[in-house]
Amino acid sequence: MVATKSPTHIRYASSSAGILLVATLLVALMHCTSAVEFTFDLADNAEDCFYEEITRNTSAYFEFQVSAGGQLDVDVHLKDPQGKVIYKQEKATFDSYQFVAELTGVYTACFGNQFSAFSHKIVYVDFQVGDEPALPGVDEHATVLTQMETSSQAIHKGLNDILDAQTHHRLREAQGRKRAEDLNSRVMVWSSLETAAVVLIGLVQILVLRNFFTDRKPSQAHYGRL
């Protein structure tokens, strides 16, 4: 007796295989990521530098944003392996720069806060080197993509968009939280000063009224001695 599969079972097996394929592609893609993305604390009157090795004729993308601290500004410059400045910004809040490496070697990105003697800065940096790796088994052939491969590409693009949106939302949230904390500190200081002023005025009024009722006229003082 030969067992047969119903159409429902066949569709279910195809769906399970498709989900497994997409999951495998996403995991492989996560292991191929080569971008550098981080946030660091830049102290007042200081300069921090970061280094990235890039080969010749490789495209790179550099982005930064000051999320908290002072006037949200920082000095930035990017140097090639020979020490030549290929990108420079002074007192900038955010910017991005895309370039193709002309030399093979270590490129240096420096962030300066020398102009600020009291406030430190929190800086977000995104440094991507090279093109994004292709999806394994999808972008490696020149034939027409299947429906599953097209869906995998769409999912991949959607995930990248979600990651970018989450990053910018986190930066916005950090800026809003810092401003709220600064505003709360100012309100507390102002409220304390107002409370101290009200208490001081009340004490002065009490002393003035007390002097009105305790001072005697010269005639009353003279009659009192008689």
C-alpha atoms as a PDB file:
ATOM      1  CA  MET A   1       0.000   0.000   0.000  1.00  0.00           C
ATOM      2  CA  VAL A   2       1.487   3.324  -1.064  1.00  0.00           C
ATOM      3  CA  ALA A   3       0.941   6.359   1.118  1.00  0.00           C
ATOM      4  CA  THR A   4      -0.100   9.553  -0.653  1.00  0.00           C
ATOM      5  CA  LYS A   5       0.136  13.173   0.519  1.00  0.00           C
ATOM      6  CA  SER A   6      -2.799  15.459   0.340  1.00  0.00           C
ATOM      7  CA  PRO A   7      -2.456  18.945  -1.237  1.00  0.00           C
ATOM      8  CA  THR A   8      -2.819  20.508   2.224  1.00  0.00           C
ATOM      9  CA  HIS A   9       0.239  18.625   3.490  1.00  0.00           C
ATOM     10  CA  ILE A  10       2.233  19.641   0.431  1.00  0.00           C
ATOM     11  CA  ARG A  11       1.438  23.349   0.925  1.00  0.00           C
ATOM     12  CA  TYR A  12       2.351  23.096   4.607  1.00  0.00           C
ATOM     13  CA  ALA A  13       5.698  21.498   3.804  1.00  0.00           C
ATOM     14  CA  SER A  14       6.494  24.171   1.218  1.00  0.00           C
ATOM     15  CA  SER A  15       5.639  26.934   3.679  1.00  0.00           C
ATOM     16  CA  SER A  16       7.863  25.392   6.365  1.00  0.00           C
ATOM     17  CA  ALA A  17      10.739  25.062   3.917  1.00  0.00           C
ATOM     18  CA  GLY A  18      10.350  28.689   2.861  1.00  0.00           C
ATOM     19  CA  ILE A  19      10.419  29.934   6.468  1.00  0.00           C
ATOM     20  CA  LEU A  20      13.531  27.854   7.141  1.00  0.00           C
ATOM     21  CA  LEU A  21      15.234  29.276   4.043  1.00  0.00           C
ATOM     22  CA  VAL A  22      14.513  32.877   5.052  1.00  0.00           C
ATOM     23  CA  ALA A  23      15.743  32.248   8.603  1.00  0.00           C
ATOM     24  CA  THR A  24      18.970  30.710   7.281  1.00  0.00           C
ATOM     25  CA  LEU A  25      19.597  33.666   4.991  1.00  0.00           C
ATOM     26  CA  LEU A  26      19.060  36.181   7.780  1.00  0.00           C
ATOM     27  CA  VAL A  27      21.419  34.358  10.150  1.00  0.00           C
ATOM     28  CA  ALA A  28      24.111  34.174   7.468  1.00  0.00           C
ATOM     29  CA  LEU A  29      23.673  37.855   6.759  1.00  0.00           C
ATOM     30  CA  MET A  30      24.090  38.763  10.425  1.00  0.00           C
ATOM     31  CA  HIS A  31      27.457  37.000  10.482  1.00  0.00           C
ATOM     32  CA  CYS A  32      28.620  38.897   7.362  1.00  0.00           C
ATOM     33  CA  THR A  33      27.985  42.377   8.765  1.00  0.00           C
ATOM     34  CA  SER A  34      31.129  44.524   8.663  1.00  0.00           C
ATOM     35  CA  ALA A  35      29.828  47.919   9.786  1.00  0.00           C
ATOM     36  CA  VAL A  36      31.091  49.645  12.943  1.00  0.00           C
ATOM     37  CA  GLU A  37      28.398  51.439  14.928  1.00  0.00           C
ATOM     38  CA  PHE A  38      28.860  52.751  18.472  1.00  0.00           C
ATOM     39  CA  THR A  39      28.249  55.614  20.906  1.00  0.00           C
ATOM     40  CA  PHE A  40      30.961  57.102  23.126  1.00  0.00           C
ATOM     41  CA  ASP A  41      31.407  59.809  25.744  1.00  0.00           C
ATOM     42  CA  LEU A  42      33.696  62.670  24.678  1.00  0.00           C
ATOM     43  CA  ALA A  43      35.099  64.442  27.734  1.00  0.00           C
ATOM     44  CA  ASP A  44      35.385  68.222  27.968  1.00  0.00           C
ATOM     45  CA  ASN A  45      38.565  69.748  26.558  1.00  0.00           C
ATOM     46  CA  ALA A  46      39.543  66.389  25.013  1.00  0.00           C
ATOM     47  CA  GLU A  47      39.973  64.643  21.658  1.00  0.00           C
ATOM     48  CA  ASP A  48      39.259  60.988  20.854  1.00  0.00           C
ATOM     49  CA  CYS A  49      40.387  59.217  17.678  1.00  0.00           C
ATOM     50  CA  PHE A  50      39.294  55.947  16.084  1.00  0.00           C
ATOM     51  CA  TYR A  51      41.033  53.918  13.418  1.00  0.00           C
ATOM     52  CA  GLU A  52      39.775  51.787  10.539  1.00  0.00           C
ATOM     53  CA  GLU A  53      41.851  49.860   8.018  1.00  0.00           C
ATOM     54  CA  ILE A  54      40.580  50.271   4.464  1.00  0.00           C
ATOM     55  CA  THR A  55      41.956  48.851   1.247  1.00  0.00           C
ATOM     56  CA  ARG A  56      42.331  50.871  -1.924  1.00  0.00           C
ATOM     57  CA  ASN A  57      39.284  51.481  -4.152  1.00  0.00           C
ATOM     58  CA  THR A  58      36.930  50.438  -1.342  1.00  0.00           C
ATOM     59  CA  SER A  59      33.895  52.597  -0.693  1.00  0.00           C
ATOM     60  CA  ALA A  60      33.254  53.777   2.874  1.00  0.00           C
ATOM     61  CA  TYR A  61      30.471  55.647   4.626  1.00  0.00           C
ATOM     62  CA  PHE A  62      31.083  57.804   7.710  1.00  0.00           C
ATOM     63  CA  GLU A  63      28.278  59.327   9.797  1.00  0.00           C
ATOM     64  CA  PHE A  64      28.184  60.997  13.219  1.00  0.00           C
ATOM     65  CA  GLN A  65      25.681  62.779  15.443  1.00  0.00           C
ATOM     66  CA  VAL A  66      26.013  64.510  18.821  1.00  0.00           C
ATOM     67  CA  SER A  67      23.098  63.265  20.903  1.00  0.00           C
ATOM     68  CA  ALA A  68      23.744  65.105  24.197  1.00  0.00           C
ATOM     69  CA  GLY A  69      26.008  67.650  25.847  1.00  0.00           C
ATOM     70  CA  GLY A  70      26.510  71.410  25.631  1.00  0.00           C
ATOM     71  CA  GLN A  71      25.361  72.967  22.383  1.00  0.00           C
ATOM     72  CA  LEU A  72      25.395  69.573  20.611  1.00  0.00           C
ATOM     73  CA  ASP A  73      28.518  70.462  18.626  1.00  0.00           C
ATOM     74  CA  VAL A  74      31.894  68.830  18.066  1.00  0.00           C
ATOM     75  CA  ASP A  75      34.939  69.185  15.803  1.00  0.00           C
ATOM     76  CA  VAL A  76      35.483  66.289  13.383  1.00  0.00           C
ATOM     77  CA  HIS A  77      38.226  65.460  10.907  1.00  0.00           C
ATOM     78  CA  LEU A  78      39.052  62.342   8.894  1.00  0.00           C
ATOM     79  CA  LYS A  79      42.605  61.567   7.739  1.00  0.00           C
ATOM     80  CA  ASP A  80      44.008  59.102   5.219  1.00  0.00           C
ATOM     81  CA  PRO A  81      47.046  56.836   5.934  1.00  0.00           C
ATOM     82  CA  GLN A  82      49.433  59.649   4.916  1.00  0.00           C
ATOM     83  CA  GLY A  83      47.891  62.106   7.400  1.00  0.00           C
ATOM     84  CA  LYS A  84      46.047  64.148   4.784  1.00  0.00           C
ATOM     85  CA  VAL A  85      42.721  65.565   5.959  1.00  0.00           C
ATOM     86  CA  ILE A  86      40.013  64.372   3.575  1.00  0.00           C
ATOM     87  CA  TYR A  87      37.036  65.557   5.632  1.00  0.00           C
ATOM     88  CA  LYS A  88      36.688  68.270   8.287  1.00  0.00           C
ATOM     89  CA  GLN A  89      33.852  69.919  10.197  1.00  0.00           C
ATOM     90  CA  GLU A  90      33.964  72.436  13.046  1.00  0.00           C
ATOM     91  CA  LYS A  91      31.285  72.632  15.754  1.00  0.00           C
ATOM     92  CA  ALA A  92      28.949  70.348  13.818  1.00  0.00           C
ATOM     93  CA  THR A  93      25.958  68.526  15.273  1.00  0.00           C
ATOM     94  CA  PHE A  94      25.558  65.800  12.652  1.00  0.00           C
ATOM     95  CA  ASP A  95      26.794  65.014   9.170  1.00  0.00           C
ATOM     96  CA  SER A  96      27.661  62.135   6.843  1.00  0.00           C
ATOM     97  CA  TYR A  97      30.475  61.609   4.359  1.00  0.00           C
ATOM     98  CA  GLN A  98      30.906  58.927   1.690  1.00  0.00           C
ATOM     99  CA  PHE A  99      34.209  58.356  -0.069  1.00  0.00           C
ATOM    100  CA  VAL A 100      36.325  55.845  -1.961  1.00  0.00           C
ATOM    101  CA  ALA A 101      39.712  55.053  -0.435  1.00  0.00           C
ATOM    102  CA  GLU A 102      42.595  56.109  -2.671  1.00  0.00           C
ATOM    103  CA  LEU A 103      45.235  54.444  -0.483  1.00  0.00           C
ATOM    104  CA  THR A 104      45.471  51.207   1.452  1.00  0.00           C
ATOM    105  CA  GLY A 105      46.058  51.703   5.151  1.00  0.00           C
ATOM    106  CA  VAL A 106      44.619  52.936   8.410  1.00  0.00           C
ATOM    107  CA  TYR A 107      42.210  55.875   8.245  1.00  0.00           C
ATOM    108  CA  THR A 108      41.778  58.036  11.344  1.00  0.00           C
ATOM    109  CA  ALA A 109      38.569  59.715  12.503  1.00  0.00           C
ATOM    110  CA  CYS A 110      39.045  62.221  15.349  1.00  0.00           C
ATOM    111  CA  PHE A 111      36.438  64.048  17.436  1.00  0.00           C
ATOM    112  CA  GLY A 112      37.525  67.168  19.314  1.00  0.00           C
ATOM    113  CA  ASN A 113      35.886  68.991  22.217  1.00  0.00           C
ATOM    114  CA  GLN A 114      38.746  71.354  23.058  1.00  0.00           C
ATOM    115  CA  PHE A 115      36.548  74.445  22.796  1.00  0.00           C
ATOM    116  CA  SER A 116      34.312  73.257  25.656  1.00  0.00           C
ATOM    117  CA  ALA A 117      35.805  73.455  29.157  1.00  0.00           C
ATOM    118  CA  PHE A 118      32.766  72.310  31.167  1.00  0.00           C
ATOM    119  CA  SER A 119      30.407  70.055  29.159  1.00  0.00           C
ATOM    120  CA  HIS A 120      31.114  66.588  27.803  1.00  0.00           C
ATOM    121  CA  LYS A 121      29.448  65.233  24.669  1.00  0.00           C
ATOM    122  CA  ILE A 122      27.815  61.919  23.765  1.00  0.00           C
ATOM    123  CA  VAL A 123      28.580  61.117  20.118  1.00  0.00           C
ATOM    124  CA  TYR A 124      27.096  58.439  17.869  1.00  0.00           C
ATOM    125  CA  VAL A 125      29.339  57.097  15.076  1.00  0.00           C
ATOM    126  CA  ASP A 126      28.515  54.833  12.125  1.00  0.00           C
ATOM    127  CA  PHE A 127      31.501  53.744  10.009  1.00  0.00           C
ATOM    128  CA  GLN A 128      30.719  51.318   7.179  1.00  0.00           C
ATOM    129  CA  VAL A 129      33.482  49.960   4.977  1.00  0.00           C
ATOM    130  CA  GLY A 130      32.828  48.151   1.702  1.00  0.00           C
ATOM    131  CA  ASP A 131      29.611  47.243  -0.005  1.00  0.00           C
ATOM    132  CA  GLU A 132      26.950  45.283   1.764  1.00  0.00           C
ATOM    133  CA  PRO A 133      27.467  41.513   1.316  1.00  0.00           C
ATOM    134  CA  ALA A 134      25.056  39.755  -1.000  1.00  0.00           C
ATOM    135  CA  LEU A 135      22.415  37.435   0.324  1.00  0.00           C
ATOM    136  CA  PRO A 136      23.776  33.873   0.194  1.00  0.00           C
ATOM    137  CA  GLY A 137      22.233  31.989  -2.701  1.00  0.00           C
ATOM    138  CA  VAL A 138      20.101  34.955  -3.834  1.00  0.00           C
ATOM    139  CA  ASP A 139      22.282  37.701  -5.292  1.00  0.00           C
ATOM    140  CA  GLU A 140      25.047  35.352  -6.432  1.00  0.00           C
ATOM    141  CA  HIS A 141      23.458  34.160  -9.683  1.00  0.00           C
ATOM    142  CA  ALA A 142      22.350  36.009 -12.798  1.00  0.00           C
ATOM    143  CA  THR A 143      19.149  34.093 -13.447  1.00  0.00           C
ATOM    144  CA  VAL A 144      15.668  35.362 -12.772  1.00  0.00           C
ATOM    145  CA  LEU A 145      14.856  35.471  -9.058  1.00  0.00           C
ATOM    146  CA  THR A 146      12.158  33.210  -7.743  1.00  0.00           C
ATOM    147  CA  GLN A 147       9.285  34.466  -5.637  1.00  0.00           C
ATOM    148  CA  MET A 148      11.001  33.220  -2.475  1.00  0.00           C
ATOM    149  CA  GLU A 149      14.260  35.003  -3.348  1.00  0.00           C
ATOM    150  CA  THR A 150      12.402  38.220  -4.138  1.00  0.00           C
ATOM    151  CA  SER A 151      10.641  38.002  -0.777  1.00  0.00           C
ATOM    152  CA  SER A 152      13.998  37.441   0.932  1.00  0.00           C
ATOM    153  CA  GLN A 153      15.400  40.589  -0.666  1.00  0.00           C
ATOM    154  CA  ALA A 154      12.337  42.576   0.396  1.00  0.00           C
ATOM    155  CA  ILE A 155      12.624  41.275   3.960  1.00  0.00           C
ATOM    156  CA  HIS A 156      16.327  42.125   4.020  1.00  0.00           C
ATOM    157  CA  LYS A 157      15.701  45.686   2.838  1.00  0.00           C
ATOM    158  CA  GLY A 158      12.870  46.094   5.331  1.00  0.00           C
ATOM    159  CA  LEU A 159      15.088  44.934   8.202  1.00  0.00           C
ATOM    160  CA  ASN A 160      17.798  47.422   7.217  1.00  0.00           C
ATOM    161  CA  ASP A 161      15.237  50.225   7.145  1.00  0.00           C
ATOM    162  CA  ILE A 162      13.967  49.157  10.572  1.00  0.00           C
ATOM    163  CA  LEU A 163      17.503  49.185  12.000  1.00  0.00           C
ATOM    164  CA  ASP A 164      18.151  52.700  10.663  1.00  0.00           C
ATOM    165  CA  ALA A 165      14.817  53.950  12.005  1.00  0.00           C
ATOM    166  CA  GLN A 166      15.475  52.419  15.428  1.00  0.00           C
ATOM    167  CA  THR A 167      18.916  54.018  15.585  1.00  0.00           C
ATOM    168  CA  HIS A 168      17.617  57.486  14.778  1.00  0.00           C
ATOM    169  CA  HIS A 169      14.699  57.082  17.187  1.00  0.00           C
ATOM    170  CA  ARG A 170      17.135  56.132  19.954  1.00  0.00           C
ATOM    171  CA  LEU A 171      19.208  59.224  19.211  1.00  0.00           C
ATOM    172  CA  ARG A 172      16.123  61.432  19.254  1.00  0.00           C
ATOM    173  CA  GLU A 173      15.016  59.820  22.521  1.00  0.00           C
ATOM    174  CA  ALA A 174      18.444  60.460  24.066  1.00  0.00           C
ATOM    175  CA  GLN A 175      18.340  64.113  23.010  1.00  0.00           C
ATOM    176  CA  GLY A 176      14.821  64.542  24.394  1.00  0.00           C
ATOM    177  CA  ARG A 177      15.721  62.844  27.672  1.00  0.00           C
ATOM    178  CA  LYS A 178      18.803  65.056  28.099  1.00  0.00           C
ATOM    179  CA  ARG A 179      16.803  68.215  27.424  1.00  0.00           C
ATOM    180  CA  ALA A 180      14.110  67.090  29.866  1.00  0.00           C
ATOM    181  CA  GLU A 181      16.713  66.451  32.553  1.00  0.00           C
ATOM    182  CA  ASP A 182      18.302  69.862  31.969  1.00  0.00           C
ATOM    183  CA  LEU A 183      14.890  71.538  32.082  1.00  0.00           C
ATOM    184  CA  ASN A 184      14.023  69.687  35.282  1.00  0.00           C
ATOM    185  CA  SER A 185      17.283  70.840  36.893  1.00  0.00           C
ATOM    186  CA  ARG A 186      16.633  74.451  35.919  1.00  0.00           C
ATOM    187  CA  VAL A 187      13.060  74.302  37.207  1.00  0.00           C
ATOM    188  CA  MET A 188      14.283  72.866  40.518  1.00  0.00           C
ATOM    189  CA  VAL A 189      16.906  75.624  40.909  1.00  0.00           C
ATOM    190  CA  TRP A 190      14.415  78.343  39.996  1.00  0.00           C
ATOM    191  CA  SER A 191      11.805  76.920  42.386  1.00  0.00           C
ATOM    192  CA  SER A 192      14.371  76.778  45.196  1.00  0.00           C
ATOM    193  CA  LEU A 193      15.326  80.413  44.607  1.00  0.00           C
ATOM    194  CA  GLU A 194      11.676  81.469  44.575  1.00  0.00           C
ATOM    195  CA  THR A 195      11.007  79.556  47.810  1.00  0.00           C
ATOM    196  CA  ALA A 196      14.017  81.164  49.469  1.00  0.00           C
ATOM    197  CA  ALA A 197      12.879  84.613  48.287  1.00  0.00           C
ATOM    198  CA  VAL A 198       9.325  84.089  49.634  1.00  0.00           C
ATOM    199  CA  VAL A 199      10.650  82.931  53.026  1.00  0.00           C
ATOM    200  CA  LEU A 200      13.055  85.880  53.203  1.00  0.00           C
ATOM    201  CA  ILE A 201      10.340  88.387  52.321  1.00  0.00           C
ATOM    202  CA  GLY A 202       8.054  86.844  54.961  1.00  0.00           C
ATOM    203  CA  LEU A 203      10.721  87.153  57.654  1.00  0.00           C
ATOM    204  CA  VAL A 204      11.422  90.775  56.707  1.00  0.00           C
ATOM    205  CA  GLN A 205       7.707  91.596  56.863  1.00  0.00           C
ATOM    206  CA  ILE A 206       7.420  89.996  60.308  1.00  0.00           C
ATOM    207  CA  LEU A 207      10.382  91.998  61.615  1.00  0.00           C
ATOM    208  CA  VAL A 208       9.020  95.246  60.182  1.00  0.00           C
ATOM    209  CA  LEU A 209       5.552  94.695  61.684  1.00  0.00           C
ATOM    210  CA  ARG A 210       7.081  93.731  65.000  1.00  0.00           C
ATOM    211  CA  ASN A 211       9.055  96.974  65.108  1.00  0.00           C
ATOM    212  CA  PHE A 212       5.848  98.938  64.410  1.00  0.00           C
ATOM    213  CA  PHE A 213       4.153  97.533  67.529  1.00  0.00           C
ATOM    214  CA  THR A 214       7.153  97.526  69.878  1.00  0.00           C
ATOM    215  CA  ASP A 215       8.606 101.016  69.309  1.00  0.00           C
ATOM    216  CA  ARG A 216       7.431 103.644  71.809  1.00  0.00           C
ATOM    217  CA  LYS A 217       6.993 107.346  71.212  1.00  0.00           C
ATOM    218  CA  PRO A 218       9.188 109.768  73.174  1.00  0.00           C
ATOM    219  CA  SER A 219       6.168 111.147  75.114  1.00  0.00           C
ATOM    220  CA  GLN A 220       5.071 107.656  76.169  1.00  0.00           C
ATOM    221  CA  ALA A 221       8.574 106.842  77.295  1.00  0.00           C
ATOM    222  CA  HIS A 222       8.713 110.116  79.336  1.00  0.00           C
ATOM    223  CA  TYR A 223       5.337 109.495  81.020  1.00  0.00           C
ATOM    224  CA  GLY A 224       6.354 105.949  81.775  1.00  0.00           C
ATOM    225  CA  ARG A 225       9.381 107.174  83.811  1.00  0.00           C
ATOM    226  CA  LEU A 226       7.205 109.603  85.789  1.00  0.00           C
END
